[in-house]
Amino acid sequence: MTHPYAHRLAQWLRAHRHEANAGPMKQYMRNQFEFLGIKTPERRALLKEFLAQHGLPPRTELADIVSKLWEWPERELQYCALALLEKEKRSLSKMDLEFIEKLITNKPWWDTVDMLAANIVGPLFKNEPECIPVYTERWMRSNHMWLQRTAILFQLRYKEETDEALLYQLIRQCQQSSEFFIQKASGWALREYSKTHPASVQRFVESETLAPLSKREALKVIQRRR
């Protein structure tokens, strides 16, 4: 059964579709998802206007609404689902992790997984640090590429609060992976952390057998500063 709030939001976005943009947007995402052709600035403006009229959904109904938006084919609906989830990130708890894990593994690609990792899982783990070892170990052992990428990237915005030992441990666990998205995530996570502790990242990169892609990504900021 369609949730009325999700239905109204989907109707609102579909009324603003741009067919001329939809094809190129679909191609950019390797033809994996349908698109309404609404680019990010307009999508954000449309969601803001919708929320001004309808308000945020009740917190108790958020999971049902996000799940429904996730079911529909148009990718912009998943982006709006993530935006709604992010607005409630302070209220998310360990009780929501099973649901978030389903979002990571359902229709996964870098666009949704990266937002979930940095914007949803990251803040949740800060509030519920006892979940970090449980879920990072679980996700690494799953051999599911997108769960592993989430584990590597959840500290992306932690800066000084980064658990350096954990970050390096997770990257070591994946350093033999041939998956582009794992190699890229490892380099990206190291590059972000290098903005806080460049010497540590430099030592780590020099001491480990990382994929060339991971090394290039990890050292970009360090090399620019020289």
C-alpha atoms as a PDB file:
ATOM      1  CA  MET A   1       0.000   0.000   0.000  1.00  0.00           C
ATOM      2  CA  THR A   2       1.318   3.431  -0.962  1.00  0.00           C
ATOM      3  CA  HIS A   3       1.842   5.864   1.882  1.00  0.00           C
ATOM      4  CA  PRO A   4      -0.103   9.106   1.163  1.00  0.00           C
ATOM      5  CA  TYR A   5       2.913  11.301   1.929  1.00  0.00           C
ATOM      6  CA  ALA A   6       5.180   9.315  -0.390  1.00  0.00           C
ATOM      7  CA  HIS A   7       2.498   9.363  -3.083  1.00  0.00           C
ATOM      8  CA  ARG A   8       2.122  13.149  -2.891  1.00  0.00           C
ATOM      9  CA  LEU A   9       5.872  13.687  -3.051  1.00  0.00           C
ATOM     10  CA  ALA A  10       6.223  11.342  -6.040  1.00  0.00           C
ATOM     11  CA  GLN A  11       3.379  13.108  -7.851  1.00  0.00           C
ATOM     12  CA  TRP A  12       4.972  16.503  -7.146  1.00  0.00           C
ATOM     13  CA  LEU A  13       8.314  15.460  -8.601  1.00  0.00           C
ATOM     14  CA  ARG A  14       6.806  13.653 -11.579  1.00  0.00           C
ATOM     15  CA  ALA A  15       4.886  16.810 -12.469  1.00  0.00           C
ATOM     16  CA  HIS A  16       8.265  18.553 -12.925  1.00  0.00           C
ATOM     17  CA  ARG A  17       9.992  15.966 -15.084  1.00  0.00           C
ATOM     18  CA  HIS A  18      12.343  17.094 -17.866  1.00  0.00           C
ATOM     19  CA  GLU A  19      12.523  14.457 -20.573  1.00  0.00           C
ATOM     20  CA  ALA A  20      15.479  16.163 -22.272  1.00  0.00           C
ATOM     21  CA  ASN A  21      17.590  15.655 -19.146  1.00  0.00           C
ATOM     22  CA  ALA A  22      16.378  12.171 -18.265  1.00  0.00           C
ATOM     23  CA  GLY A  23      18.312  10.313 -20.987  1.00  0.00           C
ATOM     24  CA  PRO A  24      21.735  11.816 -20.263  1.00  0.00           C
ATOM     25  CA  MET A  25      21.225  11.378 -16.507  1.00  0.00           C
ATOM     26  CA  LYS A  26      20.350   7.733 -17.034  1.00  0.00           C
ATOM     27  CA  GLN A  27      23.413   7.222 -19.219  1.00  0.00           C
ATOM     28  CA  TYR A  28      25.656   8.851 -16.622  1.00  0.00           C
ATOM     29  CA  MET A  29      24.488   6.220 -14.158  1.00  0.00           C
ATOM     30  CA  ARG A  30      25.225   3.459 -16.679  1.00  0.00           C
ATOM     31  CA  ASN A  31      21.543   2.979 -17.544  1.00  0.00           C
ATOM     32  CA  GLN A  32      20.837   1.323 -14.214  1.00  0.00           C
ATOM     33  CA  PHE A  33      18.030   3.646 -13.097  1.00  0.00           C
ATOM     34  CA  GLU A  34      15.193   5.636 -14.586  1.00  0.00           C
ATOM     35  CA  PHE A  35      15.297   9.406 -14.131  1.00  0.00           C
ATOM     36  CA  LEU A  36      12.764  12.210 -14.185  1.00  0.00           C
ATOM     37  CA  GLY A  37      15.467  14.521 -15.492  1.00  0.00           C
ATOM     38  CA  ILE A  38      15.395  16.821 -12.463  1.00  0.00           C
ATOM     39  CA  LYS A  39      18.897  18.062 -11.699  1.00  0.00           C
ATOM     40  CA  THR A  40      20.126  18.465  -8.142  1.00  0.00           C
ATOM     41  CA  PRO A  41      19.529  22.225  -7.589  1.00  0.00           C
ATOM     42  CA  GLU A  42      15.966  22.008  -8.885  1.00  0.00           C
ATOM     43  CA  ARG A  43      15.276  18.782  -6.986  1.00  0.00           C
ATOM     44  CA  ARG A  44      16.382  20.408  -3.742  1.00  0.00           C
ATOM     45  CA  ALA A  45      14.248  23.470  -4.443  1.00  0.00           C
ATOM     46  CA  LEU A  46      11.223  21.297  -5.239  1.00  0.00           C
ATOM     47  CA  LEU A  47      11.658  19.289  -2.047  1.00  0.00           C
ATOM     48  CA  LYS A  48      11.985  22.493  -0.026  1.00  0.00           C
ATOM     49  CA  GLU A  49       8.756  23.805  -1.556  1.00  0.00           C
ATOM     50  CA  PHE A  50       7.016  20.492  -0.879  1.00  0.00           C
ATOM     51  CA  LEU A  51       8.135  20.504   2.756  1.00  0.00           C
ATOM     52  CA  ALA A  52       6.951  24.100   3.170  1.00  0.00           C
ATOM     53  CA  GLN A  53       3.474  22.928   2.148  1.00  0.00           C
ATOM     54  CA  HIS A  54       3.333  19.498   3.781  1.00  0.00           C
ATOM     55  CA  GLY A  55       5.934  19.571   6.538  1.00  0.00           C
ATOM     56  CA  LEU A  56       8.179  16.708   7.520  1.00  0.00           C
ATOM     57  CA  PRO A  57       6.481  13.344   7.869  1.00  0.00           C
ATOM     58  CA  PRO A  58       5.900  11.954  11.352  1.00  0.00           C
ATOM     59  CA  ARG A  59       9.066  10.287  12.624  1.00  0.00           C
ATOM     60  CA  THR A  60       7.146   7.062  13.277  1.00  0.00           C
ATOM     61  CA  GLU A  61       6.189   6.864   9.597  1.00  0.00           C
ATOM     62  CA  LEU A  62       9.564   7.797   8.128  1.00  0.00           C
ATOM     63  CA  ALA A  63      10.761   4.235   7.441  1.00  0.00           C
ATOM     64  CA  ASP A  64       7.557   3.381   5.559  1.00  0.00           C
ATOM     65  CA  ILE A  65       7.812   6.550   3.463  1.00  0.00           C
ATOM     66  CA  VAL A  66      11.496   6.063   2.657  1.00  0.00           C
ATOM     67  CA  SER A  67      10.886   2.408   1.782  1.00  0.00           C
ATOM     68  CA  LYS A  68       8.100   3.355  -0.625  1.00  0.00           C
ATOM     69  CA  LEU A  69      10.191   6.034  -2.307  1.00  0.00           C
ATOM     70  CA  TRP A  70      12.960   3.430  -2.639  1.00  0.00           C
ATOM     71  CA  GLU A  71      10.623   1.031  -4.461  1.00  0.00           C
ATOM     72  CA  TRP A  72       9.734   3.370  -7.312  1.00  0.00           C
ATOM     73  CA  PRO A  73      11.981   3.378 -10.385  1.00  0.00           C
ATOM     74  CA  GLU A  74      12.858   7.066 -10.627  1.00  0.00           C
ATOM     75  CA  ARG A  75      16.207   7.755  -8.969  1.00  0.00           C
ATOM     76  CA  GLU A  76      15.237  11.255  -7.850  1.00  0.00           C
ATOM     77  CA  LEU A  77      12.739   9.647  -5.474  1.00  0.00           C
ATOM     78  CA  GLN A  78      15.559   7.798  -3.733  1.00  0.00           C
ATOM     79  CA  TYR A  79      17.504  11.063  -3.456  1.00  0.00           C
ATOM     80  CA  CYS A  80      14.506  12.722  -1.798  1.00  0.00           C
ATOM     81  CA  ALA A  81      14.136   9.720   0.524  1.00  0.00           C
ATOM     82  CA  LEU A  82      17.731  10.247   1.619  1.00  0.00           C
ATOM     83  CA  ALA A  83      17.109  13.953   2.164  1.00  0.00           C
ATOM     84  CA  LEU A  84      14.148  13.155   4.432  1.00  0.00           C
ATOM     85  CA  LEU A  85      16.232  10.616   6.324  1.00  0.00           C
ATOM     86  CA  GLU A  86      19.063  13.116   6.755  1.00  0.00           C
ATOM     87  CA  LYS A  87      16.706  15.678   8.272  1.00  0.00           C
ATOM     88  CA  GLU A  88      15.978  13.131  11.013  1.00  0.00           C
ATOM     89  CA  LYS A  89      19.552  11.924  11.470  1.00  0.00           C
ATOM     90  CA  ARG A  90      19.725  13.150  15.075  1.00  0.00           C
ATOM     91  CA  SER A  91      16.853  10.851  16.000  1.00  0.00           C
ATOM     92  CA  LEU A  92      18.297   7.747  14.335  1.00  0.00           C
ATOM     93  CA  SER A  93      19.533   4.992  16.618  1.00  0.00           C
ATOM     94  CA  LYS A  94      20.850   1.436  16.590  1.00  0.00           C
ATOM     95  CA  MET A  95      17.244   0.329  16.109  1.00  0.00           C
ATOM     96  CA  ASP A  96      17.366   1.838  12.608  1.00  0.00           C
ATOM     97  CA  LEU A  97      20.544   0.093  11.457  1.00  0.00           C
ATOM     98  CA  GLU A  98      18.854  -2.977  10.002  1.00  0.00           C
ATOM     99  CA  PHE A  99      16.647  -0.675   7.935  1.00  0.00           C
ATOM    100  CA  ILE A 100      19.619   1.425   6.806  1.00  0.00           C
ATOM    101  CA  GLU A 101      21.493  -1.732   5.844  1.00  0.00           C
ATOM    102  CA  LYS A 102      18.587  -2.673   3.570  1.00  0.00           C
ATOM    103  CA  LEU A 103      18.823   0.735   1.871  1.00  0.00           C
ATOM    104  CA  ILE A 104      22.555   0.228   1.299  1.00  0.00           C
ATOM    105  CA  THR A 105      21.998  -3.139  -0.367  1.00  0.00           C
ATOM    106  CA  ASN A 106      18.817  -2.312  -2.305  1.00  0.00           C
ATOM    107  CA  LYS A 107      19.419  -0.561  -5.652  1.00  0.00           C
ATOM    108  CA  PRO A 108      23.012   0.117  -4.598  1.00  0.00           C
ATOM    109  CA  TRP A 109      25.314   2.433  -6.460  1.00  0.00           C
ATOM    110  CA  TRP A 110      27.817   5.054  -5.376  1.00  0.00           C
ATOM    111  CA  ASP A 111      25.272   7.892  -5.435  1.00  0.00           C
ATOM    112  CA  THR A 112      23.036   6.501  -2.679  1.00  0.00           C
ATOM    113  CA  VAL A 113      25.617   4.431  -0.807  1.00  0.00           C
ATOM    114  CA  ASP A 114      28.006   7.349  -0.348  1.00  0.00           C
ATOM    115  CA  MET A 115      25.259   9.584   1.013  1.00  0.00           C
ATOM    116  CA  LEU A 116      24.141   6.846   3.383  1.00  0.00           C
ATOM    117  CA  ALA A 117      27.710   6.204   4.539  1.00  0.00           C
ATOM    118  CA  ALA A 118      28.764   9.796   5.245  1.00  0.00           C
ATOM    119  CA  ASN A 119      25.453  11.511   6.032  1.00  0.00           C
ATOM    120  CA  ILE A 120      23.462   8.792   7.802  1.00  0.00           C
ATOM    121  CA  VAL A 121      25.699   6.001   9.091  1.00  0.00           C
ATOM    122  CA  GLY A 122      28.499   8.372  10.132  1.00  0.00           C
ATOM    123  CA  PRO A 123      26.350  10.528  12.464  1.00  0.00           C
ATOM    124  CA  LEU A 124      24.482   7.469  13.779  1.00  0.00           C
ATOM    125  CA  PHE A 125      27.725   5.703  14.698  1.00  0.00           C
ATOM    126  CA  LYS A 126      28.903   8.834  16.513  1.00  0.00           C
ATOM    127  CA  ASN A 127      25.784   8.627  18.672  1.00  0.00           C
ATOM    128  CA  GLU A 128      25.971   4.845  19.046  1.00  0.00           C
ATOM    129  CA  PRO A 129      29.727   4.066  19.079  1.00  0.00           C
ATOM    130  CA  GLU A 130      29.185   0.582  20.482  1.00  0.00           C
ATOM    131  CA  CYS A 131      27.688  -0.330  17.077  1.00  0.00           C
ATOM    132  CA  ILE A 132      30.876   0.465  15.184  1.00  0.00           C
ATOM    133  CA  PRO A 133      32.846  -2.756  15.831  1.00  0.00           C
ATOM    134  CA  VAL A 134      29.734  -4.902  15.414  1.00  0.00           C
ATOM    135  CA  TYR A 135      28.684  -3.494  12.064  1.00  0.00           C
ATOM    136  CA  THR A 136      32.073  -2.827  10.518  1.00  0.00           C
ATOM    137  CA  GLU A 137      33.090  -6.431  11.208  1.00  0.00           C
ATOM    138  CA  ARG A 138      29.761  -7.692   9.913  1.00  0.00           C
ATOM    139  CA  TRP A 139      29.974  -5.612   6.757  1.00  0.00           C
ATOM    140  CA  MET A 140      33.547  -6.604   6.047  1.00  0.00           C
ATOM    141  CA  ARG A 141      32.775 -10.289   6.514  1.00  0.00           C
ATOM    142  CA  SER A 142      29.734 -10.031   4.244  1.00  0.00           C
ATOM    143  CA  ASN A 143      31.936  -9.629   1.146  1.00  0.00           C
ATOM    144  CA  HIS A 144      29.195  -7.280  -0.093  1.00  0.00           C
ATOM    145  CA  MET A 145      31.015  -4.520  -1.958  1.00  0.00           C
ATOM    146  CA  TRP A 146      28.637  -1.713  -0.974  1.00  0.00           C
ATOM    147  CA  LEU A 147      28.549  -2.668   2.694  1.00  0.00           C
ATOM    148  CA  GLN A 148      32.348  -2.760   2.687  1.00  0.00           C
ATOM    149  CA  ARG A 149      32.454   0.648   0.991  1.00  0.00           C
ATOM    150  CA  THR A 150      30.113   1.993   3.679  1.00  0.00           C
ATOM    151  CA  ALA A 151      32.428   0.700   6.417  1.00  0.00           C
ATOM    152  CA  ILE A 152      35.410   2.420   4.802  1.00  0.00           C
ATOM    153  CA  LEU A 153      33.596   5.722   4.223  1.00  0.00           C
ATOM    154  CA  PHE A 154      31.456   6.257   7.325  1.00  0.00           C
ATOM    155  CA  GLN A 155      34.224   8.328   8.990  1.00  0.00           C
ATOM    156  CA  LEU A 156      34.594  10.594   5.959  1.00  0.00           C
ATOM    157  CA  ARG A 157      33.614  13.727   7.916  1.00  0.00           C
ATOM    158  CA  TYR A 158      35.064  12.752  11.306  1.00  0.00           C
ATOM    159  CA  LYS A 159      38.340  14.701  10.928  1.00  0.00           C
ATOM    160  CA  GLU A 160      40.031  14.754  14.383  1.00  0.00           C
ATOM    161  CA  GLU A 161      37.482  12.261  15.686  1.00  0.00           C
ATOM    162  CA  THR A 162      38.557   9.634  13.143  1.00  0.00           C
ATOM    163  CA  ASP A 163      39.460   6.281  14.632  1.00  0.00           C
ATOM    164  CA  GLU A 164      42.721   6.033  12.729  1.00  0.00           C
ATOM    165  CA  ALA A 165      43.463   2.451  13.748  1.00  0.00           C
ATOM    166  CA  LEU A 166      40.039   1.303  12.569  1.00  0.00           C
ATOM    167  CA  LEU A 167      40.284   3.200   9.279  1.00  0.00           C
ATOM    168  CA  TYR A 168      43.652   1.649   8.475  1.00  0.00           C
ATOM    169  CA  GLN A 169      42.477  -1.797   9.582  1.00  0.00           C
ATOM    170  CA  LEU A 170      39.448  -1.686   7.265  1.00  0.00           C
ATOM    171  CA  ILE A 171      41.564  -0.526   4.335  1.00  0.00           C
ATOM    172  CA  ARG A 172      44.105  -3.278   4.980  1.00  0.00           C
ATOM    173  CA  GLN A 173      41.306  -5.840   4.935  1.00  0.00           C
ATOM    174  CA  CYS A 174      40.329  -4.690   1.448  1.00  0.00           C
ATOM    175  CA  GLN A 175      43.721  -3.925  -0.044  1.00  0.00           C
ATOM    176  CA  GLN A 176      43.677  -7.072  -2.199  1.00  0.00           C
ATOM    177  CA  SER A 177      40.270  -6.212  -3.657  1.00  0.00           C
ATOM    178  CA  SER A 178      40.108  -5.721  -7.409  1.00  0.00           C
ATOM    179  CA  GLU A 179      36.800  -3.825  -7.124  1.00  0.00           C
ATOM    180  CA  PHE A 180      37.072  -0.290  -8.470  1.00  0.00           C
ATOM    181  CA  PHE A 181      34.605   1.074  -5.902  1.00  0.00           C
ATOM    182  CA  ILE A 182      36.546  -0.427  -2.993  1.00  0.00           C
ATOM    183  CA  GLN A 183      39.886   0.854  -4.267  1.00  0.00           C
ATOM    184  CA  LYS A 184      38.382   4.292  -4.869  1.00  0.00           C
ATOM    185  CA  ALA A 185      36.749   4.378  -1.427  1.00  0.00           C
ATOM    186  CA  SER A 186      40.018   3.467   0.281  1.00  0.00           C
ATOM    187  CA  GLY A 187      41.825   6.282  -1.497  1.00  0.00           C
ATOM    188  CA  TRP A 188      39.030   8.763  -0.860  1.00  0.00           C
ATOM    189  CA  ALA A 189      38.887   7.975   2.866  1.00  0.00           C
ATOM    190  CA  LEU A 190      42.666   8.365   3.143  1.00  0.00           C
ATOM    191  CA  ARG A 191      42.609  11.606   1.150  1.00  0.00           C
ATOM    192  CA  GLU A 192      40.014  13.115   3.488  1.00  0.00           C
ATOM    193  CA  TYR A 193      41.950  12.001   6.553  1.00  0.00           C
ATOM    194  CA  SER A 194      45.154  13.434   5.069  1.00  0.00           C
ATOM    195  CA  LYS A 195      43.610  16.896   5.469  1.00  0.00           C
ATOM    196  CA  THR A 196      43.815  16.293   9.226  1.00  0.00           C
ATOM    197  CA  HIS A 197      46.895  14.064   9.618  1.00  0.00           C
ATOM    198  CA  PRO A 198      48.936  14.126   6.404  1.00  0.00           C
ATOM    199  CA  ALA A 199      52.091  12.583   7.897  1.00  0.00           C
ATOM    200  CA  SER A 200      50.180   9.591   9.210  1.00  0.00           C
ATOM    201  CA  VAL A 201      48.509   8.972   5.846  1.00  0.00           C
ATOM    202  CA  GLN A 202      51.835   9.350   4.047  1.00  0.00           C
ATOM    203  CA  ARG A 203      53.421   6.726   6.327  1.00  0.00           C
ATOM    204  CA  PHE A 204      50.476   4.371   5.893  1.00  0.00           C
ATOM    205  CA  VAL A 205      50.514   4.607   2.098  1.00  0.00           C
ATOM    206  CA  GLU A 206      54.261   4.029   1.985  1.00  0.00           C
ATOM    207  CA  SER A 207      54.082   1.011   4.278  1.00  0.00           C
ATOM    208  CA  GLU A 208      51.146  -0.800   2.667  1.00  0.00           C
ATOM    209  CA  THR A 209      50.617  -2.573  -0.652  1.00  0.00           C
ATOM    210  CA  LEU A 210      47.691  -0.505  -1.878  1.00  0.00           C
ATOM    211  CA  ALA A 211      46.197  -0.533  -5.352  1.00  0.00           C
ATOM    212  CA  PRO A 212      47.618   2.218  -7.598  1.00  0.00           C
ATOM    213  CA  LEU A 213      44.179   3.879  -7.722  1.00  0.00           C
ATOM    214  CA  SER A 214      43.988   3.961  -3.922  1.00  0.00           C
ATOM    215  CA  LYS A 215      47.483   5.449  -3.671  1.00  0.00           C
ATOM    216  CA  ARG A 216      46.776   8.170  -6.237  1.00  0.00           C
ATOM    217  CA  GLU A 217      43.572   9.184  -4.502  1.00  0.00           C
ATOM    218  CA  ALA A 218      45.136   9.052  -1.029  1.00  0.00           C
ATOM    219  CA  LEU A 219      48.043  11.363  -1.889  1.00  0.00           C
ATOM    220  CA  LYS A 220      46.258  14.020  -3.972  1.00  0.00           C
ATOM    221  CA  VAL A 221      45.952  16.600  -1.209  1.00  0.00           C
ATOM    222  CA  ILE A 222      49.400  15.859   0.221  1.00  0.00           C
ATOM    223  CA  GLN A 223      51.046  16.304  -3.174  1.00  0.00           C
ATOM    224  CA  ARG A 224      49.191  19.550  -3.857  1.00  0.00           C
ATOM    225  CA  ARG A 225      50.528  21.019  -0.617  1.00  0.00           C
ATOM    226  CA  ARG A 226      54.166  20.375  -1.491  1.00  0.00           C
END
